[in-house]
Amino acid sequence: MNIEQLELTEKRVKIFKALADETRLAILKALYHSSNELSCAEVGYTCDTSKSNASYHFKTLREAGLIKVRKEGQTRYMRINKETFDQILPGFLDTL
C-alpha cells in the first residue's frame, strides 16, 4: 500500500469512528437540514446535549473532516464539509 492509499484508509477510519455515535449523527442531521451554518449553541440545543458533551462531539467531527468550523467573536459556527462526504461517502447525507 502506498502512502496515498494509507492516508485515505486512515481518513476513512476516522470518519467511520466519528459516524458511529448517535449524537454525532444527530449533529450532522441538524446541520444538513439547516439552510445555513449553525452556531454551536444552536446545534447543542437542537440535539439536546450539554455544552461540554457537544464540544467533544464537534471536535471529533471536525478532526474527521466532516464539519467546518468558523469563529466570529466568541461564537463558533459550523457547517457540513460536503467535499468530504462527496469524496468518501457520496449520497450519505441524503439518508439523514
N, C-alpha and C. Protein backbone atom coordinates (compact mmCIF):
# COMPACT_ATOMS: atom_id res chain seq x y z
N MET A 1 0.86 -1.17 0.00
CA MET A 1 0.00 0.00 0.00
C MET A 1 0.91 1.24 0.00
N ASN A 2 0.63 2.17 -0.92
CA ASN A 2 1.45 3.38 -0.95
C ASN A 2 0.96 4.40 0.07
N ILE A 3 1.69 5.46 0.22
CA ILE A 3 1.39 6.48 1.24
C ILE A 3 0.01 7.09 1.02
N GLU A 4 -0.33 7.37 -0.22
CA GLU A 4 -1.63 7.99 -0.52
C GLU A 4 -2.78 7.06 -0.12
N GLN A 5 -2.65 5.78 -0.41
CA GLN A 5 -3.68 4.82 -0.04
C GLN A 5 -3.77 4.67 1.47
N LEU A 6 -2.64 4.69 2.13
CA LEU A 6 -2.60 4.59 3.59
C LEU A 6 -3.29 5.79 4.23
N GLU A 7 -3.02 7.00 3.73
CA GLU A 7 -3.65 8.21 4.26
C GLU A 7 -5.16 8.17 4.05
N LEU A 8 -5.61 7.69 2.89
CA LEU A 8 -7.04 7.59 2.62
C LEU A 8 -7.69 6.58 3.55
N THR A 9 -7.02 5.47 3.81
CA THR A 9 -7.54 4.47 4.73
C THR A 9 -7.66 5.04 6.14
N GLU A 10 -6.64 5.77 6.59
CA GLU A 10 -6.67 6.39 7.92
C GLU A 10 -7.81 7.42 8.00
N LYS A 11 -8.01 8.17 6.93
CA LYS A 11 -9.10 9.15 6.90
C LYS A 11 -10.45 8.45 7.01
N ARG A 12 -10.61 7.35 6.29
CA ARG A 12 -11.86 6.59 6.36
C ARG A 12 -12.11 6.05 7.76
N VAL A 13 -11.07 5.57 8.41
CA VAL A 13 -11.22 5.05 9.78
C VAL A 13 -11.72 6.16 10.70
N LYS A 14 -11.13 7.35 10.62
CA LYS A 14 -11.58 8.49 11.44
C LYS A 14 -13.04 8.83 11.16
N ILE A 15 -13.41 8.82 9.89
CA ILE A 15 -14.78 9.16 9.50
C ILE A 15 -15.76 8.15 10.07
N PHE A 16 -15.48 6.86 9.89
CA PHE A 16 -16.41 5.85 10.38
C PHE A 16 -16.49 5.82 11.89
N LYS A 17 -15.39 6.08 12.58
CA LYS A 17 -15.44 6.19 14.04
C LYS A 17 -16.31 7.37 14.46
N ALA A 18 -16.19 8.49 13.74
CA ALA A 18 -16.99 9.67 14.06
C ALA A 18 -18.48 9.42 13.81
N LEU A 19 -18.78 8.64 12.79
CA LEU A 19 -20.18 8.37 12.45
C LEU A 19 -20.82 7.31 13.34
N ALA A 20 -20.03 6.62 14.13
CA ALA A 20 -20.52 5.52 14.96
C ALA A 20 -21.06 6.01 16.30
N ASP A 21 -21.77 7.12 16.29
CA ASP A 21 -22.32 7.68 17.52
C ASP A 21 -23.63 8.40 17.19
N GLU A 22 -24.66 8.12 17.95
CA GLU A 22 -25.99 8.70 17.69
C GLU A 22 -25.99 10.22 17.80
N THR A 23 -25.29 10.76 18.78
CA THR A 23 -25.27 12.21 18.96
C THR A 23 -24.59 12.90 17.77
N ARG A 24 -23.48 12.34 17.31
CA ARG A 24 -22.80 12.94 16.17
C ARG A 24 -23.64 12.83 14.91
N LEU A 25 -24.35 11.73 14.75
CA LEU A 25 -25.26 11.62 13.60
C LEU A 25 -26.38 12.66 13.70
N ALA A 26 -26.87 12.90 14.92
CA ALA A 26 -27.91 13.93 15.11
C ALA A 26 -27.37 15.32 14.79
N ILE A 27 -26.12 15.58 15.14
CA ILE A 27 -25.50 16.87 14.83
C ILE A 27 -25.40 17.03 13.32
N LEU A 28 -24.93 16.00 12.63
CA LEU A 28 -24.82 16.07 11.18
C LEU A 28 -26.18 16.26 10.53
N LYS A 29 -27.19 15.59 11.06
CA LYS A 29 -28.55 15.72 10.53
C LYS A 29 -29.04 17.16 10.70
N ALA A 30 -28.83 17.74 11.87
CA ALA A 30 -29.25 19.12 12.12
C ALA A 30 -28.55 20.08 11.16
N LEU A 31 -27.25 19.88 10.97
CA LEU A 31 -26.50 20.75 10.06
C LEU A 31 -26.94 20.57 8.61
N TYR A 32 -27.18 19.33 8.23
CA TYR A 32 -27.57 19.05 6.85
C TYR A 32 -28.93 19.67 6.52
N HIS A 33 -29.85 19.60 7.46
CA HIS A 33 -31.20 20.11 7.21
C HIS A 33 -31.33 21.60 7.44
N SER A 34 -30.26 22.22 7.92
CA SER A 34 -30.24 23.68 8.07
C SER A 34 -29.83 24.28 6.73
N SER A 35 -30.45 25.37 6.37
CA SER A 35 -30.09 26.01 5.10
C SER A 35 -28.79 26.80 5.21
N ASN A 36 -28.39 27.13 6.43
CA ASN A 36 -27.16 27.88 6.67
C ASN A 36 -26.32 27.17 7.72
N GLU A 37 -25.19 27.76 8.04
CA GLU A 37 -24.40 27.23 9.15
C GLU A 37 -25.14 27.53 10.45
N LEU A 38 -24.82 26.77 11.48
CA LEU A 38 -25.45 26.95 12.79
C LEU A 38 -24.38 27.21 13.83
N SER A 39 -24.75 27.95 14.86
CA SER A 39 -23.82 28.16 15.97
C SER A 39 -23.76 26.87 16.79
N CYS A 40 -22.69 26.72 17.53
CA CYS A 40 -22.55 25.54 18.39
C CYS A 40 -23.71 25.46 19.38
N ALA A 41 -24.13 26.60 19.89
CA ALA A 41 -25.25 26.63 20.84
C ALA A 41 -26.54 26.14 20.19
N GLU A 42 -26.79 26.57 18.95
CA GLU A 42 -27.99 26.12 18.24
C GLU A 42 -27.98 24.61 18.01
N VAL A 43 -26.84 24.10 17.62
CA VAL A 43 -26.73 22.66 17.39
C VAL A 43 -26.91 21.89 18.70
N GLY A 44 -26.27 22.35 19.76
CA GLY A 44 -26.41 21.71 21.06
C GLY A 44 -27.85 21.70 21.54
N TYR A 45 -28.55 22.82 21.35
CA TYR A 45 -29.95 22.90 21.74
C TYR A 45 -30.80 21.94 20.92
N THR A 46 -30.58 21.93 19.61
CA THR A 46 -31.34 21.07 18.70
C THR A 46 -31.14 19.60 19.05
N CYS A 47 -29.94 19.24 19.42
CA CYS A 47 -29.61 17.84 19.71
C CYS A 47 -29.77 17.50 21.18
N ASP A 48 -30.22 18.46 21.99
CA ASP A 48 -30.47 18.27 23.41
C ASP A 48 -29.26 17.66 24.13
N THR A 49 -28.13 18.34 24.01
CA THR A 49 -26.90 17.87 24.66
C THR A 49 -26.23 19.02 25.38
N SER A 50 -25.50 18.71 26.42
CA SER A 50 -24.82 19.74 27.20
C SER A 50 -23.69 20.37 26.39
N LYS A 51 -23.26 21.54 26.85
CA LYS A 51 -22.20 22.27 26.14
C LYS A 51 -20.90 21.46 26.08
N SER A 52 -20.51 20.87 27.20
CA SER A 52 -19.26 20.11 27.22
C SER A 52 -19.36 18.85 26.36
N ASN A 53 -20.50 18.19 26.40
CA ASN A 53 -20.70 17.00 25.58
C ASN A 53 -20.71 17.37 24.10
N ALA A 54 -21.38 18.45 23.76
CA ALA A 54 -21.44 18.90 22.37
C ALA A 54 -20.04 19.27 21.87
N SER A 55 -19.26 19.95 22.69
CA SER A 55 -17.90 20.34 22.29
C SER A 55 -17.05 19.12 21.95
N TYR A 56 -17.18 18.07 22.72
CA TYR A 56 -16.45 16.83 22.45
C TYR A 56 -16.84 16.28 21.08
N HIS A 57 -18.13 16.24 20.80
CA HIS A 57 -18.62 15.71 19.53
C HIS A 57 -18.21 16.60 18.35
N PHE A 58 -18.26 17.92 18.55
CA PHE A 58 -17.85 18.85 17.48
C PHE A 58 -16.38 18.61 17.12
N LYS A 59 -15.55 18.43 18.14
CA LYS A 59 -14.12 18.20 17.91
C LYS A 59 -13.91 16.91 17.11
N THR A 60 -14.61 15.87 17.49
CA THR A 60 -14.48 14.59 16.78
C THR A 60 -14.90 14.72 15.33
N LEU A 61 -16.01 15.41 15.07
CA LEU A 61 -16.49 15.60 13.70
C LEU A 61 -15.52 16.47 12.90
N ARG A 62 -14.99 17.50 13.53
CA ARG A 62 -14.04 18.40 12.85
C ARG A 62 -12.76 17.66 12.50
N GLU A 63 -12.24 16.88 13.44
CA GLU A 63 -10.99 16.14 13.20
C GLU A 63 -11.16 15.08 12.11
N ALA A 64 -12.37 14.58 11.94
CA ALA A 64 -12.64 13.60 10.89
C ALA A 64 -12.89 14.28 9.54
N GLY A 65 -12.96 15.61 9.56
CA GLY A 65 -13.17 16.35 8.32
C GLY A 65 -14.62 16.40 7.88
N LEU A 66 -15.55 16.10 8.80
CA LEU A 66 -16.97 16.06 8.44
C LEU A 66 -17.67 17.39 8.58
N ILE A 67 -17.12 18.28 9.40
CA ILE A 67 -17.68 19.63 9.54
C ILE A 67 -16.56 20.66 9.42
N LYS A 68 -16.97 21.87 9.11
CA LYS A 68 -16.05 23.02 9.11
C LYS A 68 -16.55 23.98 10.17
N VAL A 69 -15.62 24.58 10.90
CA VAL A 69 -15.97 25.49 11.98
C VAL A 69 -15.35 26.85 11.70
N ARG A 70 -16.16 27.89 11.92
CA ARG A 70 -15.72 29.26 11.74
C ARG A 70 -16.00 30.01 13.03
N LYS A 71 -15.04 30.80 13.48
CA LYS A 71 -15.21 31.57 14.72
C LYS A 71 -15.44 33.03 14.38
N GLU A 72 -16.46 33.60 15.01
CA GLU A 72 -16.77 35.02 14.86
C GLU A 72 -16.98 35.58 16.27
N GLY A 73 -16.02 36.34 16.75
CA GLY A 73 -16.08 36.82 18.13
C GLY A 73 -15.97 35.62 19.07
N GLN A 74 -16.92 35.50 19.97
CA GLN A 74 -16.94 34.38 20.91
C GLN A 74 -17.75 33.19 20.38
N THR A 75 -18.41 33.38 19.25
CA THR A 75 -19.30 32.35 18.73
C THR A 75 -18.63 31.53 17.63
N ARG A 76 -18.84 30.24 17.71
CA ARG A 76 -18.34 29.34 16.67
C ARG A 76 -19.54 28.86 15.84
N TYR A 77 -19.35 28.89 14.53
CA TYR A 77 -20.38 28.44 13.61
C TYR A 77 -19.87 27.22 12.85
N MET A 78 -20.76 26.31 12.58
CA MET A 78 -20.33 25.11 11.87
C MET A 78 -21.26 24.79 10.72
N ARG A 79 -20.69 24.03 9.77
CA ARG A 79 -21.46 23.58 8.63
C ARG A 79 -20.88 22.25 8.17
N ILE A 80 -21.64 21.53 7.39
CA ILE A 80 -21.21 20.26 6.83
C ILE A 80 -20.05 20.51 5.86
N ASN A 81 -19.06 19.64 5.88
CA ASN A 81 -17.98 19.68 4.91
C ASN A 81 -18.38 18.74 3.75
N LYS A 82 -19.11 19.29 2.81
CA LYS A 82 -19.66 18.47 1.72
C LYS A 82 -18.59 17.81 0.88
N GLU A 83 -17.43 18.43 0.78
CA GLU A 83 -16.35 17.85 -0.02
C GLU A 83 -15.96 16.46 0.50
N THR A 84 -15.87 16.34 1.82
CA THR A 84 -15.52 15.05 2.41
C THR A 84 -16.58 14.00 2.10
N PHE A 85 -17.84 14.39 2.28
CA PHE A 85 -18.92 13.43 2.01
C PHE A 85 -18.97 13.06 0.53
N ASP A 86 -18.78 14.04 -0.34
CA ASP A 86 -18.79 13.75 -1.78
C ASP A 86 -17.66 12.80 -2.17
N GLN A 87 -16.51 12.96 -1.54
CA GLN A 87 -15.34 12.15 -1.87
C GLN A 87 -15.41 10.74 -1.27
N ILE A 88 -15.77 10.66 0.01
CA ILE A 88 -15.68 9.39 0.73
C ILE A 88 -17.03 8.66 0.80
N LEU A 89 -18.11 9.41 1.00
CA LEU A 89 -19.43 8.79 1.20
C LEU A 89 -20.49 9.47 0.33
N PRO A 90 -20.36 9.40 -0.98
CA PRO A 90 -21.35 10.07 -1.84
C PRO A 90 -22.76 9.51 -1.57
N GLY A 91 -23.71 10.42 -1.44
CA GLY A 91 -25.10 10.03 -1.19
C GLY A 91 -25.46 9.83 0.26
N PHE A 92 -24.48 9.79 1.16
CA PHE A 92 -24.76 9.53 2.57
C PHE A 92 -25.66 10.59 3.19
N LEU A 93 -25.38 11.86 2.89
CA LEU A 93 -26.14 12.96 3.52
C LEU A 93 -27.63 12.87 3.19
N ASP A 94 -27.96 12.37 2.03
CA ASP A 94 -29.37 12.24 1.65
C ASP A 94 -30.11 11.21 2.50
N THR A 95 -29.38 10.37 3.23
CA THR A 95 -30.01 9.37 4.08
C THR A 95 -30.35 9.91 5.46
N LEU A 96 -29.89 11.11 5.77
CA LEU A 96 -30.14 11.69 7.10
C LEU A 96 -31.53 12.25 7.21
